[in-house]
Amino acid sequence: MPSVCCGVDEAGRGPLAGAVFAAAVILDPSRPIPGLNDSKLLSEKKRQQLAIEIRRHARAFSIAFASVEEIDRLNILQATLLAMKRAVQGLSLVPQEMLVDGLHLTATGIRGRAIVEGDRLIAEISAASILAKTSRDLEMCEWDRRYPAYGFAQHKGYGTRAHLDALQRVGPCEIHRRSFAPVRAAEQQLRLFAGA
């Protein structure tokens, strides 16, 4: 009997704002999903279509996150590993093996392999990449409605010129990562102006 394996990937390590998300997916070999790939190589529309297919046809999936507070307290790598651990532990089936995109494994007690560019090579990791990315993007669009000054719906919290300009103009909001240098610099600059 073939071992049950889950793919694991994250979304949102690089942005200046928002939680880091992770997903774990166990695909059903009898229900293949054509078109799976690294979420960054797919259009937004294609990602959303595939996310529906994954949720519909996977044997099991789980999506989790680590909060901005956890990112600032632990550091982004440790928070990412925590989100991955939560995703794996949230699966309704217990996998015998986990295949993780990148260089680092999270401690789950399950045998695992870290695979560089796994999101392009392994269907389960591609599926996890897509679920993590689409879930995080949706949350950033929801934050955009609350904090329209930053343009979160467009850049999803990444350090684009528009986002950096907004940070300089209005300072950080509650979902900005204070442990990231551009956010810290913007906050310090605002304090200087306030004290001037």
Protein backbone atom coordinates (compact mmCIF):
# COMPACT_ATOMS: atom_id res chain seq x y z
CA MET A 1 0.00 0.00 0.00
CA PRO A 2 1.51 3.39 -1.00
CA SER A 3 2.33 5.77 1.84
CA VAL A 4 0.11 8.79 2.38
CA CYS A 5 2.14 11.92 1.78
CA CYS A 6 1.25 15.57 2.21
CA GLY A 7 2.73 18.57 0.48
CA VAL A 8 3.46 21.64 2.58
CA ASP A 9 4.20 25.21 1.52
CA GLU A 10 3.90 28.76 2.82
CA ALA A 11 2.88 32.16 1.52
CA GLY A 12 3.88 35.52 2.88
CA ARG A 13 7.41 35.29 4.25
CA GLY A 14 8.56 38.43 2.44
CA PRO A 15 5.77 41.00 2.94
CA LEU A 16 5.96 43.85 5.42
CA ALA A 17 2.42 43.25 6.66
CA GLY A 18 0.00 40.46 7.42
CA ALA A 19 0.24 36.93 8.76
CA VAL A 20 2.31 34.17 7.17
CA PHE A 21 0.11 31.36 5.85
CA ALA A 22 0.85 27.68 5.26
CA ALA A 23 -1.11 24.82 3.76
CA ALA A 24 -0.81 21.04 3.81
CA VAL A 25 -2.46 18.94 1.11
CA ILE A 26 -2.95 15.22 0.56
CA LEU A 27 -4.00 14.64 -3.04
CA ASP A 28 -6.16 11.79 -4.29
CA PRO A 29 -4.21 9.85 -6.97
CA SER A 30 -7.51 8.75 -8.53
CA ARG A 31 -8.56 12.41 -9.03
CA PRO A 32 -5.60 14.23 -10.60
CA ILE A 33 -5.79 18.02 -10.91
CA PRO A 34 -4.27 19.28 -14.19
CA GLY A 35 -2.33 22.54 -14.17
CA LEU A 36 -0.82 22.44 -10.68
CA ASN A 37 2.33 24.54 -10.40
CA ASP A 38 4.15 26.97 -8.14
CA SER A 39 1.48 29.54 -7.24
CA LYS A 40 3.85 32.39 -8.17
CA LEU A 41 3.93 31.15 -11.78
CA LEU A 42 0.13 31.16 -12.13
CA SER A 43 -2.22 34.05 -12.82
CA GLU A 44 -4.52 35.11 -10.00
CA LYS A 45 -7.52 33.76 -11.90
CA LYS A 46 -5.84 30.38 -12.49
CA ARG A 47 -4.80 30.14 -8.83
CA GLN A 48 -8.37 30.75 -7.73
CA GLN A 49 -9.73 28.14 -10.14
CA LEU A 50 -7.17 25.56 -8.98
CA ALA A 51 -7.85 26.34 -5.32
CA ILE A 52 -11.49 25.36 -5.88
CA GLU A 53 -10.41 22.11 -7.56
CA ILE A 54 -7.95 21.30 -4.77
CA ARG A 55 -10.57 21.88 -2.06
CA ARG A 56 -13.03 19.73 -4.03
CA HIS A 57 -10.77 16.81 -4.98
CA ALA A 58 -7.99 16.50 -2.38
CA ARG A 59 -8.23 13.70 0.12
CA ALA A 60 -7.42 16.21 2.85
CA PHE A 61 -6.18 19.78 3.18
CA SER A 62 -5.52 22.22 5.98
CA ILE A 63 -4.67 25.93 6.00
CA ALA A 64 -3.10 27.69 8.97
CA PHE A 65 -1.19 30.85 9.78
CA ALA A 66 1.14 32.50 12.26
CA SER A 67 0.10 35.99 13.30
CA VAL A 68 1.99 39.26 12.95
CA GLU A 69 2.58 39.17 16.72
CA GLU A 70 4.14 35.69 16.39
CA ILE A 71 6.29 36.84 13.46
CA ASP A 72 7.61 39.78 15.49
CA ARG A 73 8.18 37.64 18.60
CA LEU A 74 9.70 34.53 17.02
CA ASN A 75 11.19 35.85 13.70
CA ILE A 76 9.79 35.12 10.27
CA LEU A 77 11.46 31.73 9.78
CA GLN A 78 10.26 30.31 13.10
CA ALA A 79 6.77 31.75 12.54
CA THR A 80 6.68 30.14 9.09
CA LEU A 81 7.65 26.77 10.55
CA LEU A 82 4.94 27.21 13.19
CA ALA A 83 2.31 27.90 10.52
CA MET A 84 3.46 24.80 8.62
CA LYS A 85 3.26 22.68 11.76
CA ARG A 86 -0.29 23.92 12.42
CA ALA A 87 -1.27 23.13 8.83
CA VAL A 88 0.04 19.55 9.03
CA GLN A 89 -1.55 19.00 12.43
CA GLY A 90 -4.87 20.27 11.06
CA LEU A 91 -5.15 17.54 8.41
CA SER A 92 -8.06 15.12 8.83
CA LEU A 93 -5.74 12.27 7.69
CA VAL A 94 -2.37 11.61 9.30
CA PRO A 95 0.30 11.42 6.56
CA GLN A 96 3.24 9.05 6.75
CA GLU A 97 5.48 11.57 5.02
CA MET A 98 5.53 15.31 4.42
CA LEU A 99 7.21 17.00 1.47
CA VAL A 100 8.05 20.61 2.22
CA ASP A 101 9.03 23.32 -0.24
CA GLY A 102 12.38 24.94 0.49
CA LEU A 103 15.22 24.20 2.89
CA HIS A 104 13.57 23.79 6.29
CA LEU A 105 11.42 21.11 7.89
CA THR A 106 8.95 21.79 10.67
CA ALA A 107 8.91 19.49 13.70
CA THR A 108 5.76 17.39 13.52
CA GLY A 109 6.98 13.91 14.36
CA ILE A 110 6.26 12.88 10.76
CA ARG A 111 9.05 11.79 8.41
CA GLY A 112 9.78 14.65 6.05
CA ARG A 113 11.87 15.92 3.16
CA ALA A 114 12.65 19.53 2.30
CA ILE A 115 12.77 20.00 -1.47
CA VAL A 116 14.13 23.17 -3.10
CA GLU A 117 11.66 24.35 -5.77
CA GLY A 118 9.35 21.56 -4.65
CA ASP A 119 6.38 23.76 -5.52
CA ARG A 120 7.36 23.35 -9.19
CA LEU A 121 8.25 19.66 -8.98
CA ILE A 122 5.78 17.93 -6.64
CA ALA A 123 2.01 18.15 -7.22
CA GLU A 124 1.19 18.00 -3.49
CA ILE A 125 3.51 20.92 -2.75
CA SER A 126 2.11 22.89 -5.71
CA ALA A 127 -1.38 22.37 -4.33
CA ALA A 128 -0.27 23.55 -0.88
CA SER A 129 1.40 26.58 -2.46
CA ILE A 130 -1.85 27.52 -4.21
CA LEU A 131 -4.03 27.15 -1.11
CA ALA A 132 -1.63 29.12 1.07
CA LYS A 133 -1.31 31.94 -1.48
CA THR A 134 -5.01 32.28 -2.28
CA SER A 135 -5.96 32.20 1.41
CA ARG A 136 -3.42 34.87 2.31
CA ASP A 137 -4.38 37.05 -0.65
CA LEU A 138 -8.04 36.90 0.43
CA GLU A 139 -7.14 38.01 3.94
CA MET A 140 -5.04 40.91 2.63
CA CYS A 141 -8.00 42.06 0.50
CA GLU A 142 -10.13 42.03 3.64
CA TRP A 143 -7.51 44.12 5.46
CA ASP A 144 -7.52 46.51 2.51
CA ARG A 145 -11.15 47.37 3.25
CA ARG A 146 -10.20 48.26 6.82
CA TYR A 147 -6.98 50.11 5.93
CA PRO A 148 -7.46 51.48 2.38
CA ALA A 149 -4.51 53.91 2.63
CA TYR A 150 -1.93 51.17 2.05
CA GLY A 151 -3.19 49.40 -1.08
CA PHE A 152 -3.07 45.92 0.46
CA ALA A 153 -5.44 44.52 -2.19
CA GLN A 154 -2.90 45.37 -4.90
CA HIS A 155 0.46 44.45 -3.36
CA LYS A 156 -0.69 42.03 -0.59
CA GLY A 157 1.70 43.63 1.88
CA TYR A 158 4.89 43.34 -0.16
CA GLY A 159 7.35 46.23 -0.09
CA THR A 160 6.33 47.91 -3.35
CA ARG A 161 7.06 51.57 -3.98
CA ALA A 162 3.38 52.43 -3.35
CA HIS A 163 3.39 50.53 -0.06
CA LEU A 164 6.64 52.13 1.13
CA ASP A 165 5.31 55.57 0.19
CA ALA A 166 2.14 54.91 2.22
CA LEU A 167 4.24 53.76 5.19
CA GLN A 168 6.22 57.00 5.06
CA ARG A 169 3.03 59.04 4.73
CA VAL A 170 0.78 57.49 7.39
CA GLY A 171 3.03 55.13 9.35
CA PRO A 172 2.38 51.46 10.16
CA CYS A 173 -0.99 49.97 11.09
CA GLU A 174 -1.78 47.02 13.35
CA ILE A 175 -0.89 44.39 10.74
CA HIS A 176 2.55 45.74 9.90
CA ARG A 177 5.52 43.63 11.03
CA ARG A 178 7.48 45.84 13.43
CA SER A 179 10.47 43.46 13.27
CA PHE A 180 10.96 44.27 9.55
CA ALA A 181 13.39 47.12 8.91
CA PRO A 182 11.26 49.32 6.57
CA VAL A 183 8.34 49.24 9.04
CA ARG A 184 10.60 50.00 11.98
CA ALA A 185 12.19 52.89 10.07
CA ALA A 186 8.79 54.37 9.14
CA GLU A 187 7.61 54.12 12.74
CA GLN A 188 10.77 55.83 14.04
CA GLN A 189 10.46 58.58 11.46
CA LEU A 190 6.85 59.24 12.48
CA ARG A 191 7.90 59.48 16.15
CA LEU A 192 10.61 61.98 15.24
CA PHE A 193 8.11 64.16 13.38
CA ALA A 194 5.62 63.86 16.23
CA GLY A 195 8.29 64.95 18.73
CA ALA A 196 9.58 67.80 16.57
